[in-house]
PDB file of N, CA and C in Angstrom:
ATOM      1  N   UNK A   1       2.091  28.967  64.996  1.00  0.00           N
ATOM      2  CA  UNK A   1       1.254  29.434  63.975  1.00  0.00           C
ATOM      3  C   UNK A   1       0.934  30.844  64.080  1.00  0.00           C
ATOM      4  N   UNK A   2       0.966  31.642  62.946  1.00  0.00           N
ATOM      5  CA  UNK A   2       0.728  33.069  63.004  1.00  0.00           C
ATOM      6  C   UNK A   2      -0.737  33.440  63.239  1.00  0.00           C
ATOM      7  N   UNK A   3      -0.932  34.405  64.065  1.00  0.00           N
ATOM      8  CA  UNK A   3      -2.292  34.864  64.336  1.00  0.00           C
ATOM      9  C   UNK A   3      -2.958  35.434  63.132  1.00  0.00           C
ATOM     10  N   UNK A   4      -2.209  36.103  62.320  1.00  0.00           N
ATOM     11  CA  UNK A   4      -2.785  36.734  61.126  1.00  0.00           C
ATOM     12  C   UNK A   4      -1.589  36.992  60.218  1.00  0.00           C
ATOM     13  N   UNK A   5      -1.912  37.151  58.792  1.00  0.00           N
ATOM     14  CA  UNK A   5      -0.860  37.392  57.879  1.00  0.00           C
ATOM     15  C   UNK A   5      -0.414  38.852  57.949  1.00  0.00           C
ATOM     16  N   UNK A   6       0.844  39.142  57.910  1.00  0.00           N
ATOM     17  CA  UNK A   6       1.420  40.434  57.849  1.00  0.00           C
ATOM     18  C   UNK A   6       2.136  40.550  56.473  1.00  0.00           C
ATOM     19  N   UNK A   7       1.664  41.455  55.661  1.00  0.00           N
ATOM     20  CA  UNK A   7       2.392  41.794  54.349  1.00  0.00           C
ATOM     21  C   UNK A   7       2.296  43.207  54.112  1.00  0.00           C
ATOM     22  N   UNK A   8       3.382  43.819  53.538  1.00  0.00           N
ATOM     23  CA  UNK A   8       3.364  45.203  53.199  1.00  0.00           C
ATOM     24  C   UNK A   8       4.168  45.409  51.918  1.00  0.00           C
ATOM     25  N   UNK A   9       3.697  46.354  51.091  1.00  0.00           N
ATOM     26  CA  UNK A   9       4.383  46.782  49.836  1.00  0.00           C
ATOM     27  C   UNK A   9       4.185  48.236  49.777  1.00  0.00           C
ATOM     28  N   UNK A  10       5.262  49.033  49.807  1.00  0.00           N
ATOM     29  CA  UNK A  10       5.151  50.522  49.699  1.00  0.00           C
ATOM     30  C   UNK A  10       6.168  51.002  48.634  1.00  0.00           C
ATOM     31  N   UNK A  11       5.928  52.075  48.160  1.00  0.00           N
ATOM     32  CA  UNK A  11       6.864  52.695  47.020  1.00  0.00           C
ATOM     33  C   UNK A  11       7.217  54.170  47.427  1.00  0.00           C
ATOM     34  N   UNK A  12       8.259  54.622  46.910  1.00  0.00           N
ATOM     35  CA  UNK A  12       8.602  56.035  46.956  1.00  0.00           C
ATOM     36  C   UNK A  12       9.152  56.463  45.641  1.00  0.00           C
ATOM     37  N   UNK A  13       8.447  57.460  45.032  1.00  0.00           N
ATOM     38  CA  UNK A  13       8.824  57.955  43.730  1.00  0.00           C
ATOM     39  C   UNK A  13       9.020  59.388  43.800  1.00  0.00           C
ATOM     40  N   UNK A  14      10.000  59.872  43.046  1.00  0.00           N
ATOM     41  CA  UNK A  14      10.336  61.289  42.901  1.00  0.00           C
ATOM     42  C   UNK A  14      10.964  61.467  41.518  1.00  0.00           C
ATOM     43  N   UNK A  15      10.224  61.819  40.596  1.00  0.00           N
ATOM     44  CA  UNK A  15      10.761  61.943  39.171  1.00  0.00           C
ATOM     45  C   UNK A  15      11.881  62.972  39.067  1.00  0.00           C
ATOM     46  N   UNK A  16      11.827  64.089  39.847  1.00  0.00           N
ATOM     47  CA  UNK A  16      12.847  65.055  39.835  1.00  0.00           C
ATOM     48  C   UNK A  16      14.231  64.583  40.238  1.00  0.00           C
ATOM     49  N   UNK A  17      14.235  63.493  41.103  1.00  0.00           N
ATOM     50  CA  UNK A  17      15.434  62.911  41.533  1.00  0.00           C
ATOM     51  C   UNK A  17      15.771  61.565  40.899  1.00  0.00           C
ATOM     52  N   UNK A  18      14.866  61.154  39.849  1.00  0.00           N
ATOM     53  CA  UNK A  18      14.963  59.872  39.240  1.00  0.00           C
ATOM     54  C   UNK A  18      14.924  58.802  40.341  1.00  0.00           C
ATOM     55  N   UNK A  19      14.058  58.902  41.252  1.00  0.00           N
ATOM     56  CA  UNK A  19      13.881  57.916  42.449  1.00  0.00           C
ATOM     57  C   UNK A  19      12.593  57.119  42.174  1.00  0.00           C
ATOM     58  N   UNK A  20      12.760  55.863  42.173  1.00  0.00           N
ATOM     59  CA  UNK A  20      11.597  54.878  42.096  1.00  0.00           C
ATOM     60  C   UNK A  20      12.060  53.665  42.946  1.00  0.00           C
ATOM     61  N   UNK A  21      11.656  53.669  44.204  1.00  0.00           N
ATOM     62  CA  UNK A  21      12.059  52.664  45.157  1.00  0.00           C
ATOM     63  C   UNK A  21      10.846  51.869  45.643  1.00  0.00           C
ATOM     64  N   UNK A  22      11.072  50.655  46.135  1.00  0.00           N
ATOM     65  CA  UNK A  22      10.064  49.829  46.787  1.00  0.00           C
ATOM     66  C   UNK A  22      10.581  49.296  48.021  1.00  0.00           C
ATOM     67  N   UNK A  23       9.667  48.875  48.960  1.00  0.00           N
ATOM     68  CA  UNK A  23      10.067  48.373  50.212  1.00  0.00           C
ATOM     69  C   UNK A  23       8.945  47.340  50.476  1.00  0.00           C
ATOM     70  N   UNK A  24       9.273  45.993  50.722  1.00  0.00           N
ATOM     71  CA  UNK A  24       8.312  44.985  51.034  1.00  0.00           C
ATOM     72  C   UNK A  24       8.647  44.231  52.226  1.00  0.00           C
ATOM     73  N   UNK A  25       7.662  43.886  53.032  1.00  0.00           N
ATOM     74  CA  UNK A  25       7.907  43.089  54.198  1.00  0.00           C
ATOM     75  C   UNK A  25       6.808  42.056  54.392  1.00  0.00           C
ATOM     76  N   UNK A  26       7.126  40.868  54.987  1.00  0.00           N
ATOM     77  CA  UNK A  26       6.171  39.884  55.356  1.00  0.00           C
ATOM     78  C   UNK A  26       6.624  39.175  56.530  1.00  0.00           C
ATOM     79  N   UNK A  27       5.798  38.665  57.302  1.00  0.00           N
ATOM     80  CA  UNK A  27       6.030  37.787  58.488  1.00  0.00           C
ATOM     81  C   UNK A  27       5.555  36.437  58.180  1.00  0.00           C
ATOM     82  N   UNK A  28       6.489  35.466  58.231  1.00  0.00           N
ATOM     83  CA  UNK A  28       6.171  34.123  57.926  1.00  0.00           C
ATOM     84  C   UNK A  28       6.776  33.152  58.920  1.00  0.00           C
ATOM     85  N   UNK A  29       6.222  31.951  58.954  1.00  0.00           N
ATOM     86  CA  UNK A  29       6.640  30.926  59.912  1.00  0.00           C
ATOM     87  C   UNK A  29       7.582  29.955  59.152  1.00  0.00           C
ATOM     88  N   UNK A  30       8.747  29.591  59.671  1.00  0.00           N
ATOM     89  CA  UNK A  30       9.697  28.699  59.006  1.00  0.00           C
ATOM     90  C   UNK A  30       9.210  27.325  59.281  1.00  0.00           C
ATOM     91  N   UNK A  31       9.868  26.306  58.609  1.00  0.00           N
ATOM     92  CA  UNK A  31       9.536  24.974  58.784  1.00  0.00           C
ATOM     93  C   UNK A  31       9.977  24.457  60.150  1.00  0.00           C
ATOM     94  N   UNK A  32      10.747  25.162  60.835  1.00  0.00           N
ATOM     95  CA  UNK A  32      11.219  24.739  62.210  1.00  0.00           C
ATOM     96  C   UNK A  32      10.420  25.502  63.303  1.00  0.00           C
ATOM     97  N   UNK A  33       9.361  26.202  62.919  1.00  0.00           N
ATOM     98  CA  UNK A  33       8.561  26.802  63.906  1.00  0.00           C
ATOM     99  C   UNK A  33       8.844  28.307  64.366  1.00  0.00           C
ATOM    100  N   UNK A  34       9.985  28.751  63.885  1.00  0.00           N
ATOM    101  CA  UNK A  34      10.435  30.119  64.172  1.00  0.00           C
ATOM    102  C   UNK A  34       9.597  31.138  63.249  1.00  0.00           C
ATOM    103  N   UNK A  35       9.565  32.312  63.798  1.00  0.00           N
ATOM    104  CA  UNK A  35       8.849  33.415  63.007  1.00  0.00           C
ATOM    105  C   UNK A  35       9.885  34.276  62.332  1.00  0.00           C
ATOM    106  N   UNK A  36       9.731  34.560  61.085  1.00  0.00           N
ATOM    107  CA  UNK A  36      10.744  35.330  60.237  1.00  0.00           C
ATOM    108  C   UNK A  36       9.993  36.569  59.721  1.00  0.00           C
ATOM    109  N   UNK A  37      10.748  37.665  59.845  1.00  0.00           N
ATOM    110  CA  UNK A  37      10.460  38.880  59.155  1.00  0.00           C
ATOM    111  C   UNK A  37      11.329  38.988  58.030  1.00  0.00           C
ATOM    112  N   UNK A  38      10.749  38.946  56.725  1.00  0.00           N
ATOM    113  CA  UNK A  38      11.488  39.042  55.468  1.00  0.00           C
ATOM    114  C   UNK A  38      11.333  40.437  54.950  1.00  0.00           C
ATOM    115  N   UNK A  39      12.482  41.042  54.680  1.00  0.00           N
ATOM    116  CA  UNK A  39      12.425  42.343  54.036  1.00  0.00           C
ATOM    117  C   UNK A  39      12.998  42.346  52.704  1.00  0.00           C
ATOM    118  N   UNK A  40      12.407  43.141  51.669  1.00  0.00           N
ATOM    119  CA  UNK A  40      13.133  43.364  50.394  1.00  0.00           C
ATOM    120  C   UNK A  40      12.907  44.764  50.092  1.00  0.00           C
ATOM    121  N   UNK A  41      13.983  45.287  49.408  1.00  0.00           N
ATOM    122  CA  UNK A  41      13.898  46.708  49.010  1.00  0.00           C
ATOM    123  C   UNK A  41      14.904  46.837  47.822  1.00  0.00           C
ATOM    124  N   UNK A  42      14.560  47.953  47.073  1.00  0.00           N
ATOM    125  CA  UNK A  42      15.500  48.272  45.962  1.00  0.00           C
ATOM    126  C   UNK A  42      14.702  49.169  44.942  1.00  0.00           C
ATOM    127  N   UNK A  43      15.278  49.235  43.778  1.00  0.00           N
ATOM    128  CA  UNK A  43      14.645  49.994  42.731  1.00  0.00           C
ATOM    129  C   UNK A  43      13.462  49.189  42.092  1.00  0.00           C
ATOM    130  N   UNK A  44      12.381  50.035  41.809  1.00  0.00           N
ATOM    131  CA  UNK A  44      11.215  49.377  41.150  1.00  0.00           C
ATOM    132  C   UNK A  44      11.614  48.792  39.868  1.00  0.00           C
ATOM    133  N   UNK A  45      11.207  47.495  39.681  1.00  0.00           N
ATOM    134  CA  UNK A  45      11.545  46.674  38.471  1.00  0.00           C
ATOM    135  C   UNK A  45      12.792  45.854  38.592  1.00  0.00           C
ATOM    136  N   UNK A  46      13.503  45.973  39.757  1.00  0.00           N
ATOM    137  CA  UNK A  46      14.638  45.137  39.997  1.00  0.00           C
ATOM    138  C   UNK A  46      14.280  44.195  41.175  1.00  0.00           C
ATOM    139  N   UNK A  47      15.035  43.044  41.382  1.00  0.00           N
ATOM    140  CA  UNK A  47      14.762  42.197  42.482  1.00  0.00           C
ATOM    141  C   UNK A  47      15.028  42.869  43.832  1.00  0.00           C
ATOM    142  N   UNK A  48      16.104  43.594  43.883  1.00  0.00           N
ATOM    143  CA  UNK A  48      16.567  44.317  45.056  1.00  0.00           C
ATOM    144  C   UNK A  48      17.290  43.371  45.974  1.00  0.00           C
ATOM    145  N   UNK A  49      17.377  43.829  47.219  1.00  0.00           N
ATOM    146  CA  UNK A  49      18.098  43.086  48.254  1.00  0.00           C
ATOM    147  C   UNK A  49      17.122  42.491  49.321  1.00  0.00           C
ATOM    148  N   UNK A  50      17.508  41.449  49.987  1.00  0.00           N
ATOM    149  CA  UNK A  50      16.720  40.816  51.003  1.00  0.00           C
ATOM    150  C   UNK A  50      17.407  40.599  52.329  1.00  0.00           C
ATOM    151  N   UNK A  51      16.690  40.733  53.338  1.00  0.00           N
ATOM    152  CA  UNK A  51      17.191  40.545  54.666  1.00  0.00           C
ATOM    153  C   UNK A  51      16.104  39.709  55.493  1.00  0.00           C
ATOM    154  N   UNK A  52      16.605  38.828  56.368  1.00  0.00           N
ATOM    155  CA  UNK A  52      15.716  37.993  57.071  1.00  0.00           C
ATOM    156  C   UNK A  52      16.008  38.078  58.565  1.00  0.00           C
ATOM    157  N   UNK A  53      14.997  38.351  59.335  1.00  0.00           N
ATOM    158  CA  UNK A  53      15.189  38.383  60.845  1.00  0.00           C
ATOM    159  C   UNK A  53      14.376  37.220  61.424  1.00  0.00           C
ATOM    160  N   UNK A  54      14.893  36.430  62.333  1.00  0.00           N
ATOM    161  CA  UNK A  54      14.298  35.299  62.987  1.00  0.00           C
ATOM    162  C   UNK A  54      13.895  35.649  64.413  1.00  0.00           C
ATOM    163  N   UNK A  55      12.783  35.195  64.869  1.00  0.00           N
ATOM    164  CA  UNK A  55      12.293  35.458  66.234  1.00  0.00           C
ATOM    165  C   UNK A  55      11.636  34.160  66.775  1.00  0.00           C
ATOM    166  N   UNK A  56      11.674  34.122  68.097  1.00  0.00           N
ATOM    167  CA  UNK A  56      11.002  32.996  68.762  1.00  0.00           C
ATOM    168  C   UNK A  56       9.470  33.302  68.965  1.00  0.00           C
ATOM    169  N   UNK A  57       9.143  34.571  69.015  1.00  0.00           N
ATOM    170  CA  UNK A  57       7.711  34.956  69.308  1.00  0.00           C
ATOM    171  C   UNK A  57       7.242  35.911  68.232  1.00  0.00           C
ATOM    172  N   UNK A  58       5.933  35.713  67.919  1.00  0.00           N
ATOM    173  CA  UNK A  58       5.317  36.613  66.830  1.00  0.00           C
ATOM    174  C   UNK A  58       5.380  38.035  67.247  1.00  0.00           C
ATOM    175  N   UNK A  59       5.019  38.340  68.539  1.00  0.00           N
ATOM    176  CA  UNK A  59       5.007  39.762  68.933  1.00  0.00           C
ATOM    177  C   UNK A  59       6.216  40.534  68.688  1.00  0.00           C
ATOM    178  N   UNK A  60       7.365  39.825  68.818  1.00  0.00           N
ATOM    179  CA  UNK A  60       8.650  40.505  68.541  1.00  0.00           C
ATOM    180  C   UNK A  60       8.863  40.903  67.096  1.00  0.00           C
ATOM    181  N   UNK A  61       8.432  39.974  66.131  1.00  0.00           N
ATOM    182  CA  UNK A  61       8.439  40.254  64.755  1.00  0.00           C
ATOM    183  C   UNK A  61       7.410  41.388  64.424  1.00  0.00           C
ATOM    184  N   UNK A  62       6.256  41.385  65.026  1.00  0.00           N
ATOM    185  CA  UNK A  62       5.338  42.384  64.756  1.00  0.00           C
ATOM    186  C   UNK A  62       5.757  43.817  65.222  1.00  0.00           C
ATOM    187  N   UNK A  63       6.453  43.777  66.304  1.00  0.00           N
ATOM    188  CA  UNK A  63       7.034  45.092  66.859  1.00  0.00           C
ATOM    189  C   UNK A  63       8.015  45.655  65.861  1.00  0.00           C
ATOM    190  N   UNK A  64       8.948  44.803  65.318  1.00  0.00           N
ATOM    191  CA  UNK A  64       9.963  45.361  64.269  1.00  0.00           C
ATOM    192  C   UNK A  64       9.198  45.641  63.039  1.00  0.00           C
ATOM    193  N   UNK A  65       8.216  44.942  62.606  1.00  0.00           N
ATOM    194  CA  UNK A  65       7.363  45.248  61.437  1.00  0.00           C
ATOM    195  C   UNK A  65       6.867  46.604  61.558  1.00  0.00           C
ATOM    196  N   UNK A  66       6.153  46.879  62.686  1.00  0.00           N
ATOM    197  CA  UNK A  66       5.556  48.233  62.784  1.00  0.00           C
ATOM    198  C   UNK A  66       6.516  49.375  62.983  1.00  0.00           C
ATOM    199  N   UNK A  67       7.662  49.125  63.534  1.00  0.00           N
ATOM    200  CA  UNK A  67       8.803  50.119  63.737  1.00  0.00           C
ATOM    201  C   UNK A  67       9.269  50.495  62.269  1.00  0.00           C
ATOM    202  N   UNK A  68       9.547  49.447  61.485  1.00  0.00           N
ATOM    203  CA  UNK A  68      10.021  49.672  60.121  1.00  0.00           C
ATOM    204  C   UNK A  68       8.980  50.335  59.264  1.00  0.00           C
ATOM    205  N   UNK A  69       7.753  50.010  59.407  1.00  0.00           N
ATOM    206  CA  UNK A  69       6.576  50.671  58.725  1.00  0.00           C
ATOM    207  C   UNK A  69       6.554  52.146  58.958  1.00  0.00           C
ATOM    208  N   UNK A  70       6.758  52.493  60.290  1.00  0.00           N
ATOM    209  CA  UNK A  70       6.746  53.873  60.761  1.00  0.00           C
ATOM    210  C   UNK A  70       7.836  54.672  60.073  1.00  0.00           C
ATOM    211  N   UNK A  71       9.064  54.057  60.104  1.00  0.00           N
ATOM    212  CA  UNK A  71      10.257  54.722  59.517  1.00  0.00           C
ATOM    213  C   UNK A  71      10.038  54.904  58.033  1.00  0.00           C
ATOM    214  N   UNK A  72       9.496  53.955  57.269  1.00  0.00           N
ATOM    215  CA  UNK A  72       9.319  54.110  55.843  1.00  0.00           C
ATOM    216  C   UNK A  72       8.250  55.180  55.547  1.00  0.00           C
ATOM    217  N   UNK A  73       7.187  55.204  56.351  1.00  0.00           N
ATOM    218  CA  UNK A  73       6.196  56.310  56.061  1.00  0.00           C
ATOM    219  C   UNK A  73       6.739  57.591  56.390  1.00  0.00           C
ATOM    220  N   UNK A  74       7.563  57.736  57.413  1.00  0.00           N
ATOM    221  CA  UNK A  74       8.188  58.998  57.657  1.00  0.00           C
ATOM    222  C   UNK A  74       9.142  59.529  56.547  1.00  0.00           C
ATOM    223  N   UNK A  75       9.663  58.563  55.825  1.00  0.00           N
ATOM    224  CA  UNK A  75      10.635  58.853  54.675  1.00  0.00           C
ATOM    225  C   UNK A  75       9.847  59.024  53.350  1.00  0.00           C
ATOM    226  N   UNK A  76       8.510  58.970  53.413  1.00  0.00           N
ATOM    227  CA  UNK A  76       7.781  59.221  52.200  1.00  0.00           C
ATOM    228  C   UNK A  76       7.295  58.014  51.491  1.00  0.00           C
ATOM    229  N   UNK A  77       7.493  56.812  51.932  1.00  0.00           N
ATOM    230  CA  UNK A  77       6.955  55.616  51.207  1.00  0.00           C
ATOM    231  C   UNK A  77       5.481  55.563  51.383  1.00  0.00           C
ATOM    232  N   UNK A  78       4.777  55.181  50.300  1.00  0.00           N
ATOM    233  CA  UNK A  78       3.287  55.128  50.358  1.00  0.00           C
ATOM    234  C   UNK A  78       2.858  53.851  49.605  1.00  0.00           C
ATOM    235  N   UNK A  79       1.637  53.348  49.827  1.00  0.00           N
ATOM    236  CA  UNK A  79       1.174  52.231  49.087  1.00  0.00           C
ATOM    237  C   UNK A  79       1.206  52.537  47.640  1.00  0.00           C
ATOM    238  N   UNK A  80       1.248  51.604  46.774  1.00  0.00           N
ATOM    239  CA  UNK A  80       1.256  51.745  45.291  1.00  0.00           C
ATOM    240  C   UNK A  80      -0.086  52.361  44.889  1.00  0.00           C
ATOM    241  N   UNK A  81       0.018  53.393  44.129  1.00  0.00           N
ATOM    242  CA  UNK A  81      -1.261  53.937  43.548  1.00  0.00           C
ATOM    243  C   UNK A  81      -1.969  53.032  42.618  1.00  0.00           C
ATOM    244  N   UNK A  82      -3.249  53.065  42.521  1.00  0.00           N
ATOM    245  CA  UNK A  82      -4.098  52.175  41.732  1.00  0.00           C
ATOM    246  C   UNK A  82      -3.622  52.234  40.298  1.00  0.00           C
ATOM    247  N   UNK A  83      -3.390  53.382  39.776  1.00  0.00           N
ATOM    248  CA  UNK A  83      -3.020  53.424  38.384  1.00  0.00           C
ATOM    249  C   UNK A  83      -1.676  52.914  37.933  1.00  0.00           C
ATOM    250  N   UNK A  84      -0.841  52.730  38.939  1.00  0.00           N
ATOM    251  CA  UNK A  84       0.608  52.227  38.661  1.00  0.00           C
ATOM    252  C   UNK A  84       0.586  50.879  38.094  1.00  0.00           C
ATOM    253  N   UNK A  85      -0.117  49.950  38.560  1.00  0.00           N
ATOM    254  CA  UNK A  85      -0.232  48.615  38.074  1.00  0.00           C
ATOM    255  C   UNK A  85      -0.719  48.596  36.628  1.00  0.00           C
ATOM    256  N   UNK A  86      -1.703  49.446  36.290  1.00  0.00           N
ATOM    257  CA  UNK A  86      -2.318  49.425  35.003  1.00  0.00           C
ATOM    258  C   UNK A  86      -1.337  49.954  34.037  1.00  0.00           C
ATOM    259  N   UNK A  87      -0.412  50.900  34.371  1.00  0.00           N
ATOM    260  CA  UNK A  87       0.576  51.445  33.501  1.00  0.00           C
ATOM    261  C   UNK A  87       1.778  50.474  33.249  1.00  0.00           C
ATOM    262  N   UNK A  88       1.855  49.482  34.035  1.00  0.00           N
ATOM    263  CA  UNK A  88       2.935  48.521  33.913  1.00  0.00           C
ATOM    264  C   UNK A  88       4.210  48.901  34.773  1.00  0.00           C
ATOM    265  N   UNK A  89       4.044  49.879  35.626  1.00  0.00           N
ATOM    266  CA  UNK A  89       5.164  50.308  36.522  1.00  0.00           C
ATOM    267  C   UNK A  89       5.574  49.264  37.526  1.00  0.00           C
TER     268      UNK A  89
END
């Protein structure tokens, strides 16, 4: 069982480069008791791509989750701004 829920959704927008990307991650437990880190990414408004990583221990999944979060923040991904949901973006 997971100690706590892990979920993340960040975006990177740059109108001058016509860039509107999202990156989402969550850590979930499978029916067989393994821990999975599920990643989704792509252009905002599209389903994008998905990748799944399986682990035997939660701390391994959390370590990868935090490493990926650090990489995305360094590349300019930020949480969705409050007004974005209201504008329908």
